[in-house]
Each structure stands twice: as C-alpha cells, then as structure tokens.
Amino acid sequence: MTLREASIGSTVKVVRLTGTGAVKRRIMDMGITKGVEIYVRKVAPLGDPVEVTVRGYELSLRKADAELVEVE
C-alpha cells in the first residue's frame, strides 16, 4: 500500500521509498525515511495534496510524491 492509499486518521509505518535520484532525496529531506510513523491528517477534496504529521510536524505532499512512499 502507498501513502496515497492510506485512510484519513490512520497511522502508518514507512516500509520503503520507491523514488529515485532527486525525488527520493527530497522526500528523505522532509523526514520521511524507512521505519518512521506517519499520521494521515487530511486529504484535499480532489485528493491533492495529502496532509500528514511526521516526526512532530505537519507536512503536505503531492499525490505523485505520496505514491512513492510504501507503507504498512
């Protein structure tokens, strides 16, 4: 399952990042790394962006970036 598919109000754990190069580096720089827990706060009406809480701060991710984060 990807972060984009996670339901609102759920807490998920990152299994791996599927992006490559600069995209993967940008996601990791935001604090999303393997093993970190992410709380899905809200999703915009059209599904973009997804608002999450990671490492104690709020973060908004585009759908395309959220699809690159595999969670369990």
PDB file of N, CA and C in Angstrom:
ATOM      1  N   MET A   1       0.846  -1.175   0.000  1.00  0.00           N
ATOM      2  CA  MET A   1       0.000   0.000   0.000  1.00  0.00           C
ATOM      3  C   MET A   1       0.892   1.240   0.000  1.00  0.00           C
ATOM      4  N   THR A   2       0.423   2.290  -0.641  1.00  0.00           N
ATOM      5  CA  THR A   2       1.192   3.538  -0.664  1.00  0.00           C
ATOM      6  C   THR A   2       0.570   4.545   0.293  1.00  0.00           C
ATOM      7  N   LEU A   3       1.297   5.600   0.579  1.00  0.00           N
ATOM      8  CA  LEU A   3       0.811   6.649   1.471  1.00  0.00           C
ATOM      9  C   LEU A   3      -0.442   7.303   0.905  1.00  0.00           C
ATOM     10  N   ARG A   4      -0.545   7.387  -0.383  1.00  0.00           N
ATOM     11  CA  ARG A   4      -1.722   7.984  -1.018  1.00  0.00           C
ATOM     12  C   ARG A   4      -2.976   7.159  -0.733  1.00  0.00           C
ATOM     13  N   GLU A   5      -2.836   5.843  -0.610  1.00  0.00           N
ATOM     14  CA  GLU A   5      -3.976   4.952  -0.386  1.00  0.00           C
ATOM     15  C   GLU A   5      -4.359   4.831   1.086  1.00  0.00           C
ATOM     16  N   ALA A   6      -3.534   5.349   1.999  1.00  0.00           N
ATOM     17  CA  ALA A   6      -3.817   5.251   3.429  1.00  0.00           C
ATOM     18  C   ALA A   6      -5.053   6.077   3.770  1.00  0.00           C
ATOM     19  N   SER A   7      -5.853   5.565   4.694  1.00  0.00           N
ATOM     20  CA  SER A   7      -7.096   6.247   5.045  1.00  0.00           C
ATOM     21  C   SER A   7      -6.839   7.394   6.035  1.00  0.00           C
ATOM     22  N   ILE A   8      -7.728   8.361   6.004  1.00  0.00           N
ATOM     23  CA  ILE A   8      -7.628   9.531   6.883  1.00  0.00           C
ATOM     24  C   ILE A   8      -7.759   9.080   8.328  1.00  0.00           C
ATOM     25  N   GLY A   9      -6.903   9.598   9.191  1.00  0.00           N
ATOM     26  CA  GLY A   9      -6.947   9.267  10.601  1.00  0.00           C
ATOM     27  C   GLY A   9      -6.125   8.048  10.982  1.00  0.00           C
ATOM     28  N   SER A  10      -5.476   7.420  10.006  1.00  0.00           N
ATOM     29  CA  SER A  10      -4.680   6.232  10.309  1.00  0.00           C
ATOM     30  C   SER A  10      -3.208   6.600  10.508  1.00  0.00           C
ATOM     31  N   THR A  11      -2.520   5.768  11.268  1.00  0.00           N
ATOM     32  CA  THR A  11      -1.091   5.908  11.465  1.00  0.00           C
ATOM     33  C   THR A  11      -0.434   4.739  10.748  1.00  0.00           C
ATOM     34  N   VAL A  12       0.486   5.049   9.845  1.00  0.00           N
ATOM     35  CA  VAL A  12       1.149   4.013   9.056  1.00  0.00           C
ATOM     36  C   VAL A  12       2.656   4.098   9.256  1.00  0.00           C
ATOM     37  N   LYS A  13       3.336   3.022   8.912  1.00  0.00           N
ATOM     38  CA  LYS A  13       4.791   2.951   9.053  1.00  0.00           C
ATOM     39  C   LYS A  13       5.407   2.800   7.670  1.00  0.00           C
ATOM     40  N   VAL A  14       6.457   3.570   7.402  1.00  0.00           N
ATOM     41  CA  VAL A  14       7.105   3.539   6.097  1.00  0.00           C
ATOM     42  C   VAL A  14       7.907   2.242   5.940  1.00  0.00           C
ATOM     43  N   VAL A  15       7.654   1.535   4.840  1.00  0.00           N
ATOM     44  CA  VAL A  15       8.371   0.304   4.536  1.00  0.00           C
ATOM     45  C   VAL A  15       9.557   0.603   3.628  1.00  0.00           C
ATOM     46  N   ARG A  16       9.306   1.395   2.570  1.00  0.00           N
ATOM     47  CA  ARG A  16      10.393   1.788   1.666  1.00  0.00           C
ATOM     48  C   ARG A  16       9.963   2.945   0.777  1.00  0.00           C
ATOM     49  N   LEU A  17      10.949   3.603   0.194  1.00  0.00           N
ATOM     50  CA  LEU A  17      10.722   4.691  -0.764  1.00  0.00           C
ATOM     51  C   LEU A  17      11.054   4.167  -2.143  1.00  0.00           C
ATOM     52  N   THR A  18      10.129   4.326  -3.097  1.00  0.00           N
ATOM     53  CA  THR A  18      10.349   3.784  -4.430  1.00  0.00           C
ATOM     54  C   THR A  18      10.901   4.794  -5.417  1.00  0.00           C
ATOM     55  N   GLY A  19      10.985   6.048  -5.047  1.00  0.00           N
ATOM     56  CA  GLY A  19      11.514   7.071  -5.950  1.00  0.00           C
ATOM     57  C   GLY A  19      13.011   6.907  -6.157  1.00  0.00           C
ATOM     58  N   THR A  20      13.534   7.643  -7.122  1.00  0.00           N
ATOM     59  CA  THR A  20      14.972   7.605  -7.377  1.00  0.00           C
ATOM     60  C   THR A  20      15.513   9.023  -7.486  1.00  0.00           C
ATOM     61  N   GLY A  21      16.808   9.144  -7.299  1.00  0.00           N
ATOM     62  CA  GLY A  21      17.503  10.409  -7.519  1.00  0.00           C
ATOM     63  C   GLY A  21      17.026  11.546  -6.643  1.00  0.00           C
ATOM     64  N   ALA A  22      16.824  12.702  -7.264  1.00  0.00           N
ATOM     65  CA  ALA A  22      16.484  13.927  -6.549  1.00  0.00           C
ATOM     66  C   ALA A  22      15.121  13.839  -5.866  1.00  0.00           C
ATOM     67  N   VAL A  23      14.184  13.115  -6.460  1.00  0.00           N
ATOM     68  CA  VAL A  23      12.857  12.989  -5.864  1.00  0.00           C
ATOM     69  C   VAL A  23      12.944  12.231  -4.545  1.00  0.00           C
ATOM     70  N   LYS A  24      13.673  11.132  -4.533  1.00  0.00           N
ATOM     71  CA  LYS A  24      13.848  10.347  -3.307  1.00  0.00           C
ATOM     72  C   LYS A  24      14.586  11.165  -2.251  1.00  0.00           C
ATOM     73  N   ARG A  25      15.595  11.891  -2.639  1.00  0.00           N
ATOM     74  CA  ARG A  25      16.366  12.723  -1.714  1.00  0.00           C
ATOM     75  C   ARG A  25      15.475  13.786  -1.085  1.00  0.00           C
ATOM     76  N   ARG A  26      14.594  14.418  -1.883  1.00  0.00           N
ATOM     77  CA  ARG A  26      13.702  15.458  -1.372  1.00  0.00           C
ATOM     78  C   ARG A  26      12.734  14.880  -0.336  1.00  0.00           C
ATOM     79  N   ILE A  27      12.197  13.708  -0.607  1.00  0.00           N
ATOM     80  CA  ILE A  27      11.280  13.060   0.338  1.00  0.00           C
ATOM     81  C   ILE A  27      12.015  12.727   1.638  1.00  0.00           C
ATOM     82  N   MET A  28      13.244  12.221   1.528  1.00  0.00           N
ATOM     83  CA  MET A  28      14.026  11.892   2.718  1.00  0.00           C
ATOM     84  C   MET A  28      14.383  13.158   3.504  1.00  0.00           C
ATOM     85  N   ASP A  29      14.654  14.257   2.814  1.00  0.00           N
ATOM     86  CA  ASP A  29      14.968  15.518   3.481  1.00  0.00           C
ATOM     87  C   ASP A  29      13.777  16.055   4.277  1.00  0.00           C
ATOM     88  N   MET A  30      12.563  15.664   3.886  1.00  0.00           N
ATOM     89  CA  MET A  30      11.365  16.079   4.613  1.00  0.00           C
ATOM     90  C   MET A  30      11.148  15.240   5.868  1.00  0.00           C
ATOM     91  N   GLY A  31      11.986  14.238   6.095  1.00  0.00           N
ATOM     92  CA  GLY A  31      11.881  13.419   7.298  1.00  0.00           C
ATOM     93  C   GLY A  31      11.193  12.088   7.087  1.00  0.00           C
ATOM     94  N   ILE A  32      10.825  11.782   5.851  1.00  0.00           N
ATOM     95  CA  ILE A  32      10.166  10.510   5.572  1.00  0.00           C
ATOM     96  C   ILE A  32      11.230   9.490   5.189  1.00  0.00           C
ATOM     97  N   THR A  33      11.555   8.624   6.146  1.00  0.00           N
ATOM     98  CA  THR A  33      12.556   7.588   5.938  1.00  0.00           C
ATOM     99  C   THR A  33      11.983   6.250   6.379  1.00  0.00           C
ATOM    100  N   LYS A  34      12.669   5.175   6.057  1.00  0.00           N
ATOM    101  CA  LYS A  34      12.220   3.832   6.395  1.00  0.00           C
ATOM    102  C   LYS A  34      12.042   3.693   7.907  1.00  0.00           C
ATOM    103  N   GLY A  35      10.892   3.156   8.314  1.00  0.00           N
ATOM    104  CA  GLY A  35      10.623   2.902   9.717  1.00  0.00           C
ATOM    105  C   GLY A  35       9.903   4.013  10.464  1.00  0.00           C
ATOM    106  N   VAL A  36       9.806   5.195   9.884  1.00  0.00           N
ATOM    107  CA  VAL A  36       9.152   6.313  10.570  1.00  0.00           C
ATOM    108  C   VAL A  36       7.625   6.156  10.485  1.00  0.00           C
ATOM    109  N   GLU A  37       6.933   6.590  11.553  1.00  0.00           N
ATOM    110  CA  GLU A  37       5.477   6.530  11.562  1.00  0.00           C
ATOM    111  C   GLU A  37       4.897   7.841  11.050  1.00  0.00           C
ATOM    112  N   ILE A  38       3.848   7.723  10.251  1.00  0.00           N
ATOM    113  CA  ILE A  38       3.190   8.884   9.640  1.00  0.00           C
ATOM    114  C   ILE A  38       1.705   8.825   9.967  1.00  0.00           C
ATOM    115  N   TYR A  39       1.166   9.937  10.463  1.00  0.00           N
ATOM    116  CA  TYR A  39      -0.265  10.051  10.746  1.00  0.00           C
ATOM    117  C   TYR A  39      -0.898  10.835   9.606  1.00  0.00           C
ATOM    118  N   VAL A  40      -1.916  10.251   8.965  1.00  0.00           N
ATOM    119  CA  VAL A  40      -2.601  10.901   7.841  1.00  0.00           C
ATOM    120  C   VAL A  40      -3.690  11.803   8.413  1.00  0.00           C
ATOM    121  N   ARG A  41      -3.469  13.120   8.333  1.00  0.00           N
ATOM    122  CA  ARG A  41      -4.400  14.089   8.918  1.00  0.00           C
ATOM    123  C   ARG A  41      -5.598  14.369   8.015  1.00  0.00           C
ATOM    124  N   LYS A  42      -5.346  14.786   6.794  1.00  0.00           N
ATOM    125  CA  LYS A  42      -6.436  15.129   5.881  1.00  0.00           C
ATOM    126  C   LYS A  42      -6.004  14.906   4.441  1.00  0.00           C
ATOM    127  N   VAL A  43      -7.014  14.857   3.580  1.00  0.00           N
ATOM    128  CA  VAL A  43      -6.775  14.805   2.141  1.00  0.00           C
ATOM    129  C   VAL A  43      -7.671  15.861   1.517  1.00  0.00           C
ATOM    130  N   ALA A  44      -7.127  16.655   0.623  1.00  0.00           N
ATOM    131  CA  ALA A  44      -7.901  17.705  -0.037  1.00  0.00           C
ATOM    132  C   ALA A  44      -9.058  17.076  -0.830  1.00  0.00           C
ATOM    133  N   PRO A  45     -10.115  17.833  -1.103  1.00  0.00           N
ATOM    134  CA  PRO A  45     -11.291  17.289  -1.801  1.00  0.00           C
ATOM    135  C   PRO A  45     -10.980  16.566  -3.110  1.00  0.00           C
ATOM    136  N   LEU A  46     -10.024  17.045  -3.859  1.00  0.00           N
ATOM    137  CA  LEU A  46      -9.684  16.374  -5.119  1.00  0.00           C
ATOM    138  C   LEU A  46      -8.517  15.399  -4.944  1.00  0.00           C
ATOM    139  N   GLY A  47      -8.102  15.165  -3.707  1.00  0.00           N
ATOM    140  CA  GLY A  47      -7.053  14.191  -3.423  1.00  0.00           C
ATOM    141  C   GLY A  47      -5.638  14.722  -3.458  1.00  0.00           C
ATOM    142  N   ASP A  48      -5.483  15.997  -3.741  1.00  0.00           N
ATOM    143  CA  ASP A  48      -4.133  16.562  -3.835  1.00  0.00           C
ATOM    144  C   ASP A  48      -4.120  17.935  -3.180  1.00  0.00           C
ATOM    145  N   PRO A  49      -3.379  18.193  -2.143  1.00  0.00           N
ATOM    146  CA  PRO A  49      -2.351  17.372  -1.507  1.00  0.00           C
ATOM    147  C   PRO A  49      -2.892  16.531  -0.342  1.00  0.00           C
ATOM    148  N   VAL A  50      -2.001  15.712   0.201  1.00  0.00           N
ATOM    149  CA  VAL A  50      -2.281  14.896   1.376  1.00  0.00           C
ATOM    150  C   VAL A  50      -1.539  15.547   2.537  1.00  0.00           C
ATOM    151  N   GLU A  51      -2.235  15.814   3.635  1.00  0.00           N
ATOM    152  CA  GLU A  51      -1.589  16.430   4.793  1.00  0.00           C
ATOM    153  C   GLU A  51      -1.312  15.350   5.833  1.00  0.00           C
ATOM    154  N   VAL A  52      -0.054  15.263   6.252  1.00  0.00           N
ATOM    155  CA  VAL A  52       0.363  14.243   7.213  1.00  0.00           C
ATOM    156  C   VAL A  52       1.149  14.879   8.349  1.00  0.00           C
ATOM    157  N   THR A  53       1.273  14.136   9.447  1.00  0.00           N
ATOM    158  CA  THR A  53       2.132  14.540  10.553  1.00  0.00           C
ATOM    159  C   THR A  53       3.263  13.524  10.618  1.00  0.00           C
ATOM    160  N   VAL A  54       4.491  14.008  10.508  1.00  0.00           N
ATOM    161  CA  VAL A  54       5.662  13.135  10.541  1.00  0.00           C
ATOM    162  C   VAL A  54       6.724  13.788  11.428  1.00  0.00           C
ATOM    163  N   ARG A  55       7.262  13.015  12.350  1.00  0.00           N
ATOM    164  CA  ARG A  55       8.303  13.488  13.272  1.00  0.00           C
ATOM    165  C   ARG A  55       7.906  14.772  14.014  1.00  0.00           C
ATOM    166  N   GLY A  56       6.613  14.901  14.334  1.00  0.00           N
ATOM    167  CA  GLY A  56       6.151  16.028  15.126  1.00  0.00           C
ATOM    168  C   GLY A  56       5.814  17.293  14.366  1.00  0.00           C
ATOM    169  N   TYR A  57       5.847  17.278  13.052  1.00  0.00           N
ATOM    170  CA  TYR A  57       5.450  18.466  12.302  1.00  0.00           C
ATOM    171  C   TYR A  57       4.518  18.097  11.164  1.00  0.00           C
ATOM    172  N   GLU A  58       3.753  19.072  10.693  1.00  0.00           N
ATOM    173  CA  GLU A  58       2.786  18.846   9.627  1.00  0.00           C
ATOM    174  C   GLU A  58       3.438  19.062   8.270  1.00  0.00           C
ATOM    175  N   LEU A  59       3.065  18.215   7.344  1.00  0.00           N
ATOM    176  CA  LEU A  59       3.666  18.239   6.020  1.00  0.00           C
ATOM    177  C   LEU A  59       2.591  17.980   4.986  1.00  0.00           C
ATOM    178  N   SER A  60       2.617  18.700   3.882  1.00  0.00           N
ATOM    179  CA  SER A  60       1.699  18.459   2.772  1.00  0.00           C
ATOM    180  C   SER A  60       2.488  17.863   1.618  1.00  0.00           C
ATOM    181  N   LEU A  61       1.966  16.767   1.085  1.00  0.00           N
ATOM    182  CA  LEU A  61       2.627  16.071  -0.027  1.00  0.00           C
ATOM    183  C   LEU A  61       1.710  16.009  -1.231  1.00  0.00           C
ATOM    184  N   ARG A  62       2.279  16.147  -2.407  1.00  0.00           N
ATOM    185  CA  ARG A  62       1.514  15.954  -3.626  1.00  0.00           C
ATOM    186  C   ARG A  62       1.183  14.474  -3.782  1.00  0.00           C
ATOM    187  N   LYS A  63       0.129  14.174  -4.536  1.00  0.00           N
ATOM    188  CA  LYS A  63      -0.248  12.781  -4.774  1.00  0.00           C
ATOM    189  C   LYS A  63       0.899  11.996  -5.386  1.00  0.00           C
ATOM    190  N   ALA A  64       1.588  12.596  -6.328  1.00  0.00           N
ATOM    191  CA  ALA A  64       2.688  11.915  -7.016  1.00  0.00           C
ATOM    192  C   ALA A  64       3.788  11.526  -6.041  1.00  0.00           C
ATOM    193  N   ASP A  65       4.087  12.387  -5.063  1.00  0.00           N
ATOM    194  CA  ASP A  65       5.107  12.076  -4.066  1.00  0.00           C
ATOM    195  C   ASP A  65       4.605  11.040  -3.067  1.00  0.00           C
ATOM    196  N   ALA A  66       3.325  11.124  -2.688  1.00  0.00           N
ATOM    197  CA  ALA A  66       2.758  10.169  -1.737  1.00  0.00           C
ATOM    198  C   ALA A  66       2.724   8.752  -2.314  1.00  0.00           C
ATOM    199  N   GLU A  67       2.624   8.635  -3.636  1.00  0.00           N
ATOM    200  CA  GLU A  67       2.619   7.315  -4.275  1.00  0.00           C
ATOM    201  C   GLU A  67       3.991   6.647  -4.212  1.00  0.00           C
ATOM    202  N   LEU A  68       5.038   7.400  -3.984  1.00  0.00           N
ATOM    203  CA  LEU A  68       6.387   6.851  -3.927  1.00  0.00           C
ATOM    204  C   LEU A  68       6.757   6.296  -2.558  1.00  0.00           C
ATOM    205  N   VAL A  69       5.873   6.486  -1.570  1.00  0.00           N
ATOM    206  CA  VAL A  69       6.136   6.034  -0.201  1.00  0.00           C
ATOM    207  C   VAL A  69       5.278   4.795   0.083  1.00  0.00           C
ATOM    208  N   GLU A  70       5.930   3.633   0.215  1.00  0.00           N
ATOM    209  CA  GLU A  70       5.212   2.400   0.537  1.00  0.00           C
ATOM    210  C   GLU A  70       5.105   2.279   2.043  1.00  0.00           C
ATOM    211  N   VAL A  71       3.883   1.989   2.528  1.00  0.00           N
ATOM    212  CA  VAL A  71       3.630   1.910   3.965  1.00  0.00           C
ATOM    213  C   VAL A  71       2.918   0.609   4.308  1.00  0.00           C
ATOM    214  N   GLU A  72       2.884   0.319   5.610  1.00  0.00           N
ATOM    215  CA  GLU A  72       2.133  -0.848   6.084  1.00  0.00           C
ATOM    216  C   GLU A  72       1.183  -0.441   7.187  1.00  0.00           C
TER     217      GLU A  72
END
